[in-house]
Amino acid sequence: MRAVNREAVPEMPNRLGIQGIEFIEYATNRPQALGQVLESMGFRPIARHRSREVTLYRQGDMNLVVNANPDDTRVAATADGQAEIAAVAFRVQDALKAHTRCIDLGAWSVTSHAQAMELHIPAIHGPGGTRYYFVDRWQEFSIYDIDFKPIPTVDQHPAAVDGMSYFGLVQYIGAARSEDWMAYYEHMFDFSVIPDEERYGILPKGKLMKSPCGKFLWQLIEPDPWMESDESPESLKRIGFGVKDVAKAVQTLKTNGVEFVESKELHPEDRGALTRSALGSVSFELVHQNA
């Protein structure tokens, strides 16, 4: 008979079949200004939406959408030309099943506004006015083939700056809300909590969670206790990019005009680096990634 390991630790469940991030979406009423910021980070505009003011940017295997559609309430909500992370799309095995499961678990569905000949991408509400999409067409067929028109003469697959890839996202949450949000991501998406002693980058605050596929992280940050007047709404705040050599990537991006936060308390180092905020709210974090 085959021996059985009585203390074997089972693999973490991945009931939605999450396999990484398909795209991240920004909402803004200043798409050209945001586009300049993204291009300095290595993204290139490769396609435009067929019927809306939406542009697809790409570098390596990262897709990033800039939504400036004036009819979108998330765009209308951006103040003073700021840009906000409006959505994250998860790659899943079956989008409909993933969406249905989340609704069964208590999520709120987002009403589709897809027009004729456009794809309906199921979504649920996230923090603030954000959305979480579910995409299952990311291998043999691309969702962008339907809704977007390629920009002529533009390389549709620009290389990533120094191998940059999506490492994770930072979410700002309310005071004493960490336990609630950790329970939400664990319950809804099968994320798992990373021990406090295991940290990445140069801003190791808050709580870290790992996606069930192990391809990206989620960081939850409460306001500091002394910030009693901080009544900012909960939101997706920042994108983290993984790179093998932080110093090399910093130098490359500095050549592109990207400015980094440098002070006695915070400056680029081997573990990570933080870009200076642009458009009032847009910043990115570089994180050392072994693999």
C-alpha atoms as a PDB file:
ATOM      1  CA  MET A   1       0.000   0.000   0.000  1.00  0.00           C
ATOM      2  CA  ARG A   2       1.116   3.573  -0.705  1.00  0.00           C
ATOM      3  CA  ALA A   3       2.240   5.481   2.362  1.00  0.00           C
ATOM      4  CA  VAL A   4       0.122   8.481   3.301  1.00  0.00           C
ATOM      5  CA  ASN A   5       1.628  11.639   4.777  1.00  0.00           C
ATOM      6  CA  ARG A   6      -0.653  12.431   7.697  1.00  0.00           C
ATOM      7  CA  GLU A   7       0.727  15.959   8.001  1.00  0.00           C
ATOM      8  CA  ALA A   8       0.757  16.866   4.318  1.00  0.00           C
ATOM      9  CA  VAL A   9      -0.302  20.479   3.785  1.00  0.00           C
ATOM     10  CA  PRO A  10      -2.942  20.712   1.044  1.00  0.00           C
ATOM     11  CA  GLU A  11      -2.513  23.230  -1.752  1.00  0.00           C
ATOM     12  CA  MET A  12      -4.446  26.452  -1.404  1.00  0.00           C
ATOM     13  CA  PRO A  13      -7.789  26.351  -3.223  1.00  0.00           C
ATOM     14  CA  ASN A  14      -8.266  28.360  -6.392  1.00  0.00           C
ATOM     15  CA  ARG A  15     -11.967  27.917  -6.990  1.00  0.00           C
ATOM     16  CA  LEU A  16     -12.194  30.779  -9.514  1.00  0.00           C
ATOM     17  CA  GLY A  17      -9.253  29.457 -11.503  1.00  0.00           C
ATOM     18  CA  ILE A  18      -7.392  32.780 -11.226  1.00  0.00           C
ATOM     19  CA  GLN A  19      -4.281  32.821 -13.403  1.00  0.00           C
ATOM     20  CA  GLY A  20      -2.941  36.345 -13.075  1.00  0.00           C
ATOM     21  CA  ILE A  21      -3.926  39.860 -14.089  1.00  0.00           C
ATOM     22  CA  GLU A  22      -5.291  40.445 -17.595  1.00  0.00           C
ATOM     23  CA  PHE A  23      -5.440  44.240 -17.420  1.00  0.00           C
ATOM     24  CA  ILE A  24      -5.542  47.191 -15.051  1.00  0.00           C
ATOM     25  CA  GLU A  25      -7.736  50.163 -15.903  1.00  0.00           C
ATOM     26  CA  TYR A  26      -7.258  53.840 -15.084  1.00  0.00           C
ATOM     27  CA  ALA A  27     -10.038  56.411 -15.300  1.00  0.00           C
ATOM     28  CA  THR A  28      -9.134  60.014 -16.119  1.00  0.00           C
ATOM     29  CA  ASN A  29     -10.351  63.075 -17.996  1.00  0.00           C
ATOM     30  CA  ARG A  30      -6.758  63.861 -19.017  1.00  0.00           C
ATOM     31  CA  PRO A  31      -5.815  60.803 -21.095  1.00  0.00           C
ATOM     32  CA  GLN A  32      -2.939  62.505 -22.933  1.00  0.00           C
ATOM     33  CA  ALA A  33      -1.266  63.551 -19.673  1.00  0.00           C
ATOM     34  CA  LEU A  34      -1.655  60.064 -18.209  1.00  0.00           C
ATOM     35  CA  GLY A  35      -0.422  58.585 -21.474  1.00  0.00           C
ATOM     36  CA  GLN A  36       2.821  60.539 -21.143  1.00  0.00           C
ATOM     37  CA  VAL A  37       3.316  59.150 -17.639  1.00  0.00           C
ATOM     38  CA  LEU A  38       2.688  55.599 -18.825  1.00  0.00           C
ATOM     39  CA  GLU A  39       5.020  55.937 -21.795  1.00  0.00           C
ATOM     40  CA  SER A  40       7.804  57.138 -19.499  1.00  0.00           C
ATOM     41  CA  MET A  41       7.251  53.879 -17.579  1.00  0.00           C
ATOM     42  CA  GLY A  42       7.669  51.840 -20.774  1.00  0.00           C
ATOM     43  CA  PHE A  43       4.042  51.330 -21.833  1.00  0.00           C
ATOM     44  CA  ARG A  44       3.079  51.980 -25.439  1.00  0.00           C
ATOM     45  CA  PRO A  45      -0.382  52.795 -26.859  1.00  0.00           C
ATOM     46  CA  ILE A  46      -1.227  49.960 -29.238  1.00  0.00           C
ATOM     47  CA  ALA A  47      -4.992  50.134 -29.852  1.00  0.00           C
ATOM     48  CA  ARG A  48      -8.080  52.299 -29.412  1.00  0.00           C
ATOM     49  CA  HIS A  49     -11.616  51.241 -28.537  1.00  0.00           C
ATOM     50  CA  ARG A  50     -14.002  51.090 -31.481  1.00  0.00           C
ATOM     51  CA  SER A  51     -16.741  53.225 -29.929  1.00  0.00           C
ATOM     52  CA  ARG A  52     -15.428  54.805 -26.723  1.00  0.00           C
ATOM     53  CA  GLU A  53     -12.609  57.063 -25.637  1.00  0.00           C
ATOM     54  CA  VAL A  54     -10.511  54.214 -24.312  1.00  0.00           C
ATOM     55  CA  THR A  55      -6.889  53.385 -25.191  1.00  0.00           C
ATOM     56  CA  LEU A  56      -5.008  50.130 -24.668  1.00  0.00           C
ATOM     57  CA  TYR A  57      -1.378  50.360 -23.531  1.00  0.00           C
ATOM     58  CA  ARG A  58       1.012  47.415 -23.335  1.00  0.00           C
ATOM     59  CA  GLN A  59       4.531  46.356 -22.465  1.00  0.00           C
ATOM     60  CA  GLY A  60       5.620  42.754 -22.244  1.00  0.00           C
ATOM     61  CA  ASP A  61       2.662  40.712 -20.995  1.00  0.00           C
ATOM     62  CA  MET A  62       1.108  43.676 -19.151  1.00  0.00           C
ATOM     63  CA  ASN A  63      -2.045  45.316 -20.514  1.00  0.00           C
ATOM     64  CA  LEU A  64      -3.190  48.680 -19.154  1.00  0.00           C
ATOM     65  CA  VAL A  65      -6.371  50.491 -20.194  1.00  0.00           C
ATOM     66  CA  VAL A  66      -6.873  54.268 -20.038  1.00  0.00           C
ATOM     67  CA  ASN A  67     -10.568  55.082 -19.835  1.00  0.00           C
ATOM     68  CA  ALA A  68     -11.490  58.681 -20.681  1.00  0.00           C
ATOM     69  CA  ASN A  69     -15.048  57.929 -21.806  1.00  0.00           C
ATOM     70  CA  PRO A  70     -17.074  60.986 -20.630  1.00  0.00           C
ATOM     71  CA  ASP A  71     -20.201  58.851 -20.174  1.00  0.00           C
ATOM     72  CA  ASP A  72     -18.497  56.659 -17.563  1.00  0.00           C
ATOM     73  CA  THR A  73     -19.307  57.736 -14.006  1.00  0.00           C
ATOM     74  CA  ARG A  74     -15.856  56.652 -12.861  1.00  0.00           C
ATOM     75  CA  VAL A  75     -14.275  59.118 -15.289  1.00  0.00           C
ATOM     76  CA  ALA A  76     -16.667  61.867 -14.228  1.00  0.00           C
ATOM     77  CA  ALA A  77     -15.707  61.228 -10.601  1.00  0.00           C
ATOM     78  CA  THR A  78     -12.011  62.000 -11.164  1.00  0.00           C
ATOM     79  CA  ALA A  79     -11.303  65.451  -9.772  1.00  0.00           C
ATOM     80  CA  ASP A  80      -8.875  68.108 -10.981  1.00  0.00           C
ATOM     81  CA  GLY A  81      -7.506  65.946 -13.777  1.00  0.00           C
ATOM     82  CA  GLN A  82      -6.378  63.157 -11.488  1.00  0.00           C
ATOM     83  CA  ALA A  83      -6.213  59.558 -12.649  1.00  0.00           C
ATOM     84  CA  GLU A  84      -7.507  56.718 -10.508  1.00  0.00           C
ATOM     85  CA  ILE A  85      -7.223  52.932 -10.759  1.00  0.00           C
ATOM     86  CA  ALA A  86     -10.765  52.036 -11.804  1.00  0.00           C
ATOM     87  CA  ALA A  87     -10.622  48.279 -12.381  1.00  0.00           C
ATOM     88  CA  VAL A  88      -8.566  45.104 -12.295  1.00  0.00           C
ATOM     89  CA  ALA A  89      -9.327  42.188 -14.601  1.00  0.00           C
ATOM     90  CA  PHE A  90      -8.442  38.718 -13.359  1.00  0.00           C
ATOM     91  CA  ARG A  91      -7.636  35.914 -15.771  1.00  0.00           C
ATOM     92  CA  VAL A  92      -9.840  32.954 -14.878  1.00  0.00           C
ATOM     93  CA  GLN A  93     -10.687  29.544 -16.309  1.00  0.00           C
ATOM     94  CA  ASP A  94     -14.381  30.340 -16.807  1.00  0.00           C
ATOM     95  CA  ALA A  95     -15.549  33.965 -16.529  1.00  0.00           C
ATOM     96  CA  LEU A  96     -19.252  33.180 -16.159  1.00  0.00           C
ATOM     97  CA  LYS A  97     -18.680  30.566 -13.441  1.00  0.00           C
ATOM     98  CA  ALA A  98     -16.288  32.883 -11.590  1.00  0.00           C
ATOM     99  CA  HIS A  99     -18.780  35.744 -11.705  1.00  0.00           C
ATOM    100  CA  THR A 100     -21.678  33.514 -10.637  1.00  0.00           C
ATOM    101  CA  ARG A 101     -19.709  32.126  -7.701  1.00  0.00           C
ATOM    102  CA  CYS A 102     -18.823  35.629  -6.493  1.00  0.00           C
ATOM    103  CA  ILE A 103     -22.460  36.729  -6.689  1.00  0.00           C
ATOM    104  CA  ASP A 104     -23.462  33.624  -4.723  1.00  0.00           C
ATOM    105  CA  LEU A 105     -20.903  34.624  -2.088  1.00  0.00           C
ATOM    106  CA  GLY A 106     -22.439  38.079  -1.738  1.00  0.00           C
ATOM    107  CA  ALA A 107     -20.656  40.246  -4.314  1.00  0.00           C
ATOM    108  CA  TRP A 108     -22.557  42.950  -6.176  1.00  0.00           C
ATOM    109  CA  SER A 109     -22.710  42.538  -9.936  1.00  0.00           C
ATOM    110  CA  VAL A 110     -21.846  45.421 -12.269  1.00  0.00           C
ATOM    111  CA  THR A 111     -24.484  46.154 -14.908  1.00  0.00           C
ATOM    112  CA  SER A 112     -23.087  45.657 -18.394  1.00  0.00           C
ATOM    113  CA  HIS A 113     -23.143  48.583 -20.826  1.00  0.00           C
ATOM    114  CA  ALA A 114     -21.712  46.632 -23.739  1.00  0.00           C
ATOM    115  CA  GLN A 115     -23.063  47.847 -27.063  1.00  0.00           C
ATOM    116  CA  ALA A 116     -23.805  45.840 -30.203  1.00  0.00           C
ATOM    117  CA  MET A 117     -20.832  43.767 -31.390  1.00  0.00           C
ATOM    118  CA  GLU A 118     -18.955  44.423 -28.113  1.00  0.00           C
ATOM    119  CA  LEU A 119     -17.873  41.812 -25.602  1.00  0.00           C
ATOM    120  CA  HIS A 120     -19.678  41.529 -22.297  1.00  0.00           C
ATOM    121  CA  ILE A 121     -17.038  41.083 -19.606  1.00  0.00           C
ATOM    122  CA  PRO A 122     -18.654  40.079 -16.278  1.00  0.00           C
ATOM    123  CA  ALA A 123     -17.653  42.177 -13.289  1.00  0.00           C
ATOM    124  CA  ILE A 124     -18.348  42.788  -9.617  1.00  0.00           C
ATOM    125  CA  HIS A 125     -17.963  45.942  -7.543  1.00  0.00           C
ATOM    126  CA  GLY A 126     -14.672  46.534  -5.729  1.00  0.00           C
ATOM    127  CA  PRO A 127     -13.649  49.196  -3.191  1.00  0.00           C
ATOM    128  CA  GLY A 128     -15.037  52.660  -3.846  1.00  0.00           C
ATOM    129  CA  GLY A 129     -16.256  52.844  -7.438  1.00  0.00           C
ATOM    130  CA  THR A 130     -13.820  50.230  -8.750  1.00  0.00           C
ATOM    131  CA  ARG A 131     -14.592  46.963 -10.512  1.00  0.00           C
ATOM    132  CA  TYR A 132     -13.157  43.470 -10.686  1.00  0.00           C
ATOM    133  CA  TYR A 133     -13.547  41.887 -14.124  1.00  0.00           C
ATOM    134  CA  PHE A 134     -13.262  38.210 -15.041  1.00  0.00           C
ATOM    135  CA  VAL A 135     -11.615  37.305 -18.359  1.00  0.00           C
ATOM    136  CA  ASP A 136     -11.265  33.775 -19.726  1.00  0.00           C
ATOM    137  CA  ARG A 137     -10.177  34.670 -23.271  1.00  0.00           C
ATOM    138  CA  TRP A 138      -6.468  35.327 -22.832  1.00  0.00           C
ATOM    139  CA  GLN A 139      -4.670  32.395 -24.466  1.00  0.00           C
ATOM    140  CA  GLU A 140      -5.778  31.421 -27.960  1.00  0.00           C
ATOM    141  CA  PHE A 141      -8.099  34.430 -28.329  1.00  0.00           C
ATOM    142  CA  SER A 142      -7.761  38.006 -27.112  1.00  0.00           C
ATOM    143  CA  ILE A 143     -10.638  40.129 -25.857  1.00  0.00           C
ATOM    144  CA  TYR A 144      -8.961  43.126 -27.493  1.00  0.00           C
ATOM    145  CA  ASP A 145      -9.473  41.663 -30.975  1.00  0.00           C
ATOM    146  CA  ILE A 146     -13.185  42.468 -30.704  1.00  0.00           C
ATOM    147  CA  ASP A 147     -13.427  45.819 -28.941  1.00  0.00           C
ATOM    148  CA  PHE A 148     -10.221  47.544 -30.076  1.00  0.00           C
ATOM    149  CA  LYS A 149      -8.684  48.664 -33.356  1.00  0.00           C
ATOM    150  CA  PRO A 150      -4.875  48.428 -33.543  1.00  0.00           C
ATOM    151  CA  ILE A 151      -3.033  51.696 -34.061  1.00  0.00           C
ATOM    152  CA  PRO A 152      -1.401  51.450 -37.531  1.00  0.00           C
ATOM    153  CA  THR A 153       2.365  50.868 -37.738  1.00  0.00           C
ATOM    154  CA  VAL A 154       2.611  50.362 -33.958  1.00  0.00           C
ATOM    155  CA  ASP A 155       4.279  47.243 -32.534  1.00  0.00           C
ATOM    156  CA  GLN A 156       1.462  45.300 -30.836  1.00  0.00           C
ATOM    157  CA  HIS A 157       3.870  43.534 -28.475  1.00  0.00           C
ATOM    158  CA  PRO A 158       6.445  46.045 -27.180  1.00  0.00           C
ATOM    159  CA  ALA A 159       9.093  44.581 -24.916  1.00  0.00           C
ATOM    160  CA  ALA A 160       8.924  45.265 -21.183  1.00  0.00           C
ATOM    161  CA  VAL A 161      11.457  47.608 -19.605  1.00  0.00           C
ATOM    162  CA  ASP A 162      14.077  45.371 -17.972  1.00  0.00           C
ATOM    163  CA  GLY A 163      11.575  42.503 -17.839  1.00  0.00           C
ATOM    164  CA  MET A 164       8.978  44.389 -15.788  1.00  0.00           C
ATOM    165  CA  SER A 165       5.778  42.531 -14.924  1.00  0.00           C
ATOM    166  CA  TYR A 166       2.774  42.994 -12.652  1.00  0.00           C
ATOM    167  CA  PHE A 167       3.824  42.268  -9.066  1.00  0.00           C
ATOM    168  CA  GLY A 168       0.701  43.407  -7.271  1.00  0.00           C
ATOM    169  CA  LEU A 169      -1.569  46.227  -6.156  1.00  0.00           C
ATOM    170  CA  VAL A 170      -1.813  48.439  -3.108  1.00  0.00           C
ATOM    171  CA  GLN A 171      -5.245  49.144  -1.660  1.00  0.00           C
ATOM    172  CA  TYR A 172      -5.898  51.902   0.861  1.00  0.00           C
ATOM    173  CA  ILE A 173      -8.519  50.848   3.394  1.00  0.00           C
ATOM    174  CA  GLY A 174     -10.265  52.446   6.371  1.00  0.00           C
ATOM    175  CA  ALA A 175      -9.002  52.358   9.955  1.00  0.00           C
ATOM    176  CA  ALA A 176      -9.362  48.966  11.654  1.00  0.00           C
ATOM    177  CA  ARG A 177     -10.586  47.419   8.399  1.00  0.00           C
ATOM    178  CA  SER A 178      -7.731  44.987   7.714  1.00  0.00           C
ATOM    179  CA  GLU A 179      -9.504  41.953   9.159  1.00  0.00           C
ATOM    180  CA  ASP A 180     -12.654  42.713   7.135  1.00  0.00           C
ATOM    181  CA  TRP A 181     -10.783  43.048   3.856  1.00  0.00           C
ATOM    182  CA  MET A 182      -8.572  40.015   4.455  1.00  0.00           C
ATOM    183  CA  ALA A 183     -11.689  37.963   5.121  1.00  0.00           C
ATOM    184  CA  TYR A 184     -13.241  39.340   1.919  1.00  0.00           C
ATOM    185  CA  TYR A 185     -10.316  38.399  -0.346  1.00  0.00           C
ATOM    186  CA  GLU A 186      -9.936  35.038   1.347  1.00  0.00           C
ATOM    187  CA  HIS A 187     -13.637  34.269   1.049  1.00  0.00           C
ATOM    188  CA  MET A 188     -14.227  35.713  -2.422  1.00  0.00           C
ATOM    189  CA  PHE A 189     -10.993  34.952  -4.318  1.00  0.00           C
ATOM    190  CA  ASP A 190      -9.104  32.400  -2.174  1.00  0.00           C
ATOM    191  CA  PHE A 191      -6.259  34.822  -1.462  1.00  0.00           C
ATOM    192  CA  SER A 192      -4.018  33.825   1.454  1.00  0.00           C
ATOM    193  CA  VAL A 193      -2.377  36.013   4.101  1.00  0.00           C
ATOM    194  CA  ILE A 194       1.412  36.361   4.009  1.00  0.00           C
ATOM    195  CA  PRO A 195       3.160  36.394   7.420  1.00  0.00           C
ATOM    196  CA  ASP A 196       4.126  39.859   8.704  1.00  0.00           C
ATOM    197  CA  GLU A 197       7.805  38.964   8.717  1.00  0.00           C
ATOM    198  CA  GLU A 198       7.720  38.277   4.963  1.00  0.00           C
ATOM    199  CA  ARG A 199       7.885  41.633   3.207  1.00  0.00           C
ATOM    200  CA  TYR A 200       8.738  43.010  -0.235  1.00  0.00           C
ATOM    201  CA  GLY A 201       9.755  46.403  -1.590  1.00  0.00           C
ATOM    202  CA  ILE A 202      10.566  49.506   0.442  1.00  0.00           C
ATOM    203  CA  LEU A 203       7.081  50.283   1.779  1.00  0.00           C
ATOM    204  CA  PRO A 204       6.381  47.269   4.012  1.00  0.00           C
ATOM    205  CA  LYS A 205       3.276  48.629   5.728  1.00  0.00           C
ATOM    206  CA  GLY A 206      -0.075  46.951   6.180  1.00  0.00           C
ATOM    207  CA  LYS A 207      -1.080  43.391   5.412  1.00  0.00           C
ATOM    208  CA  LEU A 208       0.016  41.321   2.426  1.00  0.00           C
ATOM    209  CA  MET A 209      -2.017  38.673   0.636  1.00  0.00           C
ATOM    210  CA  LYS A 210      -1.057  36.315  -2.173  1.00  0.00           C
ATOM    211  CA  SER A 211      -3.303  35.351  -5.065  1.00  0.00           C
ATOM    212  CA  PRO A 212      -4.203  31.643  -5.223  1.00  0.00           C
ATOM    213  CA  CYS A 213      -2.180  31.286  -8.429  1.00  0.00           C
ATOM    214  CA  GLY A 214       0.863  32.834  -6.735  1.00  0.00           C
ATOM    215  CA  LYS A 215       1.366  35.311  -9.598  1.00  0.00           C
ATOM    216  CA  PHE A 216       0.619  38.587  -7.794  1.00  0.00           C
ATOM    217  CA  LEU A 217       0.226  40.117  -4.338  1.00  0.00           C
ATOM    218  CA  TRP A 218      -2.327  42.419  -2.709  1.00  0.00           C
ATOM    219  CA  GLN A 219      -1.302  44.950  -0.043  1.00  0.00           C
ATOM    220  CA  LEU A 220      -3.865  46.421   2.363  1.00  0.00           C
ATOM    221  CA  ILE A 221      -2.862  49.647   4.094  1.00  0.00           C
ATOM    222  CA  GLU A 222      -4.768  51.351   6.895  1.00  0.00           C
ATOM    223  CA  PRO A 223      -4.164  55.009   7.811  1.00  0.00           C
ATOM    224  CA  ASP A 224      -1.581  55.560  10.526  1.00  0.00           C
ATOM    225  CA  PRO A 225      -3.117  55.898  14.007  1.00  0.00           C
ATOM    226  CA  TRP A 226      -2.152  59.571  14.207  1.00  0.00           C
ATOM    227  CA  MET A 227      -4.015  60.322  10.962  1.00  0.00           C
ATOM    228  CA  GLU A 228      -7.350  60.836  12.684  1.00  0.00           C
ATOM    229  CA  SER A 229      -8.569  63.263  10.031  1.00  0.00           C
ATOM    230  CA  ASP A 230      -7.916  60.866   7.140  1.00  0.00           C
ATOM    231  CA  GLU A 231     -11.389  60.173   5.804  1.00  0.00           C
ATOM    232  CA  SER A 232     -10.289  59.320   2.270  1.00  0.00           C
ATOM    233  CA  PRO A 233     -12.470  56.711   0.565  1.00  0.00           C
ATOM    234  CA  GLU A 234     -11.132  53.186   0.261  1.00  0.00           C
ATOM    235  CA  SER A 235      -9.449  52.783  -3.118  1.00  0.00           C
ATOM    236  CA  LEU A 236      -6.907  50.961  -5.246  1.00  0.00           C
ATOM    237  CA  LYS A 237      -3.888  53.210  -4.855  1.00  0.00           C
ATOM    238  CA  ARG A 238      -0.810  51.936  -6.626  1.00  0.00           C
ATOM    239  CA  ILE A 239       0.557  49.286  -9.013  1.00  0.00           C
ATOM    240  CA  GLY A 240       3.671  47.329  -8.140  1.00  0.00           C
ATOM    241  CA  PHE A 241       6.013  46.088 -10.887  1.00  0.00           C
ATOM    242  CA  GLY A 242       8.380  43.195 -10.367  1.00  0.00           C
ATOM    243  CA  VAL A 243      11.924  43.487 -11.751  1.00  0.00           C
ATOM    244  CA  LYS A 244      15.018  41.319 -11.358  1.00  0.00           C
ATOM    245  CA  ASP A 245      17.384  44.289 -10.964  1.00  0.00           C
ATOM    246  CA  VAL A 246      15.843  47.322  -9.260  1.00  0.00           C
ATOM    247  CA  ALA A 247      18.885  49.562  -9.684  1.00  0.00           C
ATOM    248  CA  LYS A 248      19.099  48.845 -13.417  1.00  0.00           C
ATOM    249  CA  ALA A 249      15.385  49.465 -13.922  1.00  0.00           C
ATOM    250  CA  VAL A 250      15.577  52.727 -11.960  1.00  0.00           C
ATOM    251  CA  GLN A 251      18.388  53.995 -14.159  1.00  0.00           C
ATOM    252  CA  THR A 252      16.531  53.031 -17.323  1.00  0.00           C
ATOM    253  CA  LEU A 253      13.352  54.782 -16.184  1.00  0.00           C
ATOM    254  CA  LYS A 254      15.261  57.857 -15.029  1.00  0.00           C
ATOM    255  CA  THR A 255      16.568  58.132 -18.583  1.00  0.00           C
ATOM    256  CA  ASN A 256      12.919  58.177 -19.688  1.00  0.00           C
ATOM    257  CA  GLY A 257      12.237  61.083 -17.333  1.00  0.00           C
ATOM    258  CA  VAL A 258      10.724  59.161 -14.413  1.00  0.00           C
ATOM    259  CA  GLU A 259      11.432  60.730 -11.018  1.00  0.00           C
ATOM    260  CA  PHE A 260      11.815  58.628  -7.879  1.00  0.00           C
ATOM    261  CA  VAL A 261      11.239  59.470  -4.235  1.00  0.00           C
ATOM    262  CA  GLU A 262      14.623  60.004  -2.618  1.00  0.00           C
ATOM    263  CA  SER A 263      15.000  61.072   1.010  1.00  0.00           C
ATOM    264  CA  LYS A 264      16.677  59.976   4.225  1.00  0.00           C
ATOM    265  CA  GLU A 265      13.718  57.714   4.974  1.00  0.00           C
ATOM    266  CA  LEU A 266      13.033  56.498   1.449  1.00  0.00           C
ATOM    267  CA  HIS A 267      15.297  56.112  -1.561  1.00  0.00           C
ATOM    268  CA  PRO A 268      15.762  53.549  -4.359  1.00  0.00           C
ATOM    269  CA  GLU A 269      17.595  50.466  -3.187  1.00  0.00           C
ATOM    270  CA  ASP A 270      18.020  46.806  -4.101  1.00  0.00           C
ATOM    271  CA  ARG A 271      14.658  45.864  -2.581  1.00  0.00           C
ATOM    272  CA  GLY A 272      12.561  48.446  -4.388  1.00  0.00           C
ATOM    273  CA  ALA A 273      11.857  52.017  -5.444  1.00  0.00           C
ATOM    274  CA  LEU A 274       8.873  54.381  -5.539  1.00  0.00           C
ATOM    275  CA  THR A 275       8.145  56.878  -8.308  1.00  0.00           C
ATOM    276  CA  ARG A 276       7.074  60.410  -7.480  1.00  0.00           C
ATOM    277  CA  SER A 277       3.347  60.986  -7.740  1.00  0.00           C
ATOM    278  CA  ALA A 278       2.113  62.354 -11.080  1.00  0.00           C
ATOM    279  CA  LEU A 279      -1.264  63.923 -11.872  1.00  0.00           C
ATOM    280  CA  GLY A 280      -1.867  64.160  -8.150  1.00  0.00           C
ATOM    281  CA  SER A 281      -2.335  60.460  -7.564  1.00  0.00           C
ATOM    282  CA  VAL A 282      -0.410  58.208  -9.988  1.00  0.00           C
ATOM    283  CA  SER A 283       2.662  56.458  -8.623  1.00  0.00           C
ATOM    284  CA  PHE A 284       4.317  53.102  -9.188  1.00  0.00           C
ATOM    285  CA  GLU A 285       6.503  50.855  -7.085  1.00  0.00           C
ATOM    286  CA  LEU A 286       9.369  48.689  -8.315  1.00  0.00           C
ATOM    287  CA  VAL A 287       9.899  45.508  -6.317  1.00  0.00           C
ATOM    288  CA  HIS A 288      12.797  43.060  -6.501  1.00  0.00           C
ATOM    289  CA  GLN A 289      11.551  39.762  -7.898  1.00  0.00           C
ATOM    290  CA  ASN A 290      13.739  36.660  -7.990  1.00  0.00           C
ATOM    291  CA  ALA A 291      11.787  34.747 -10.636  1.00  0.00           C
END
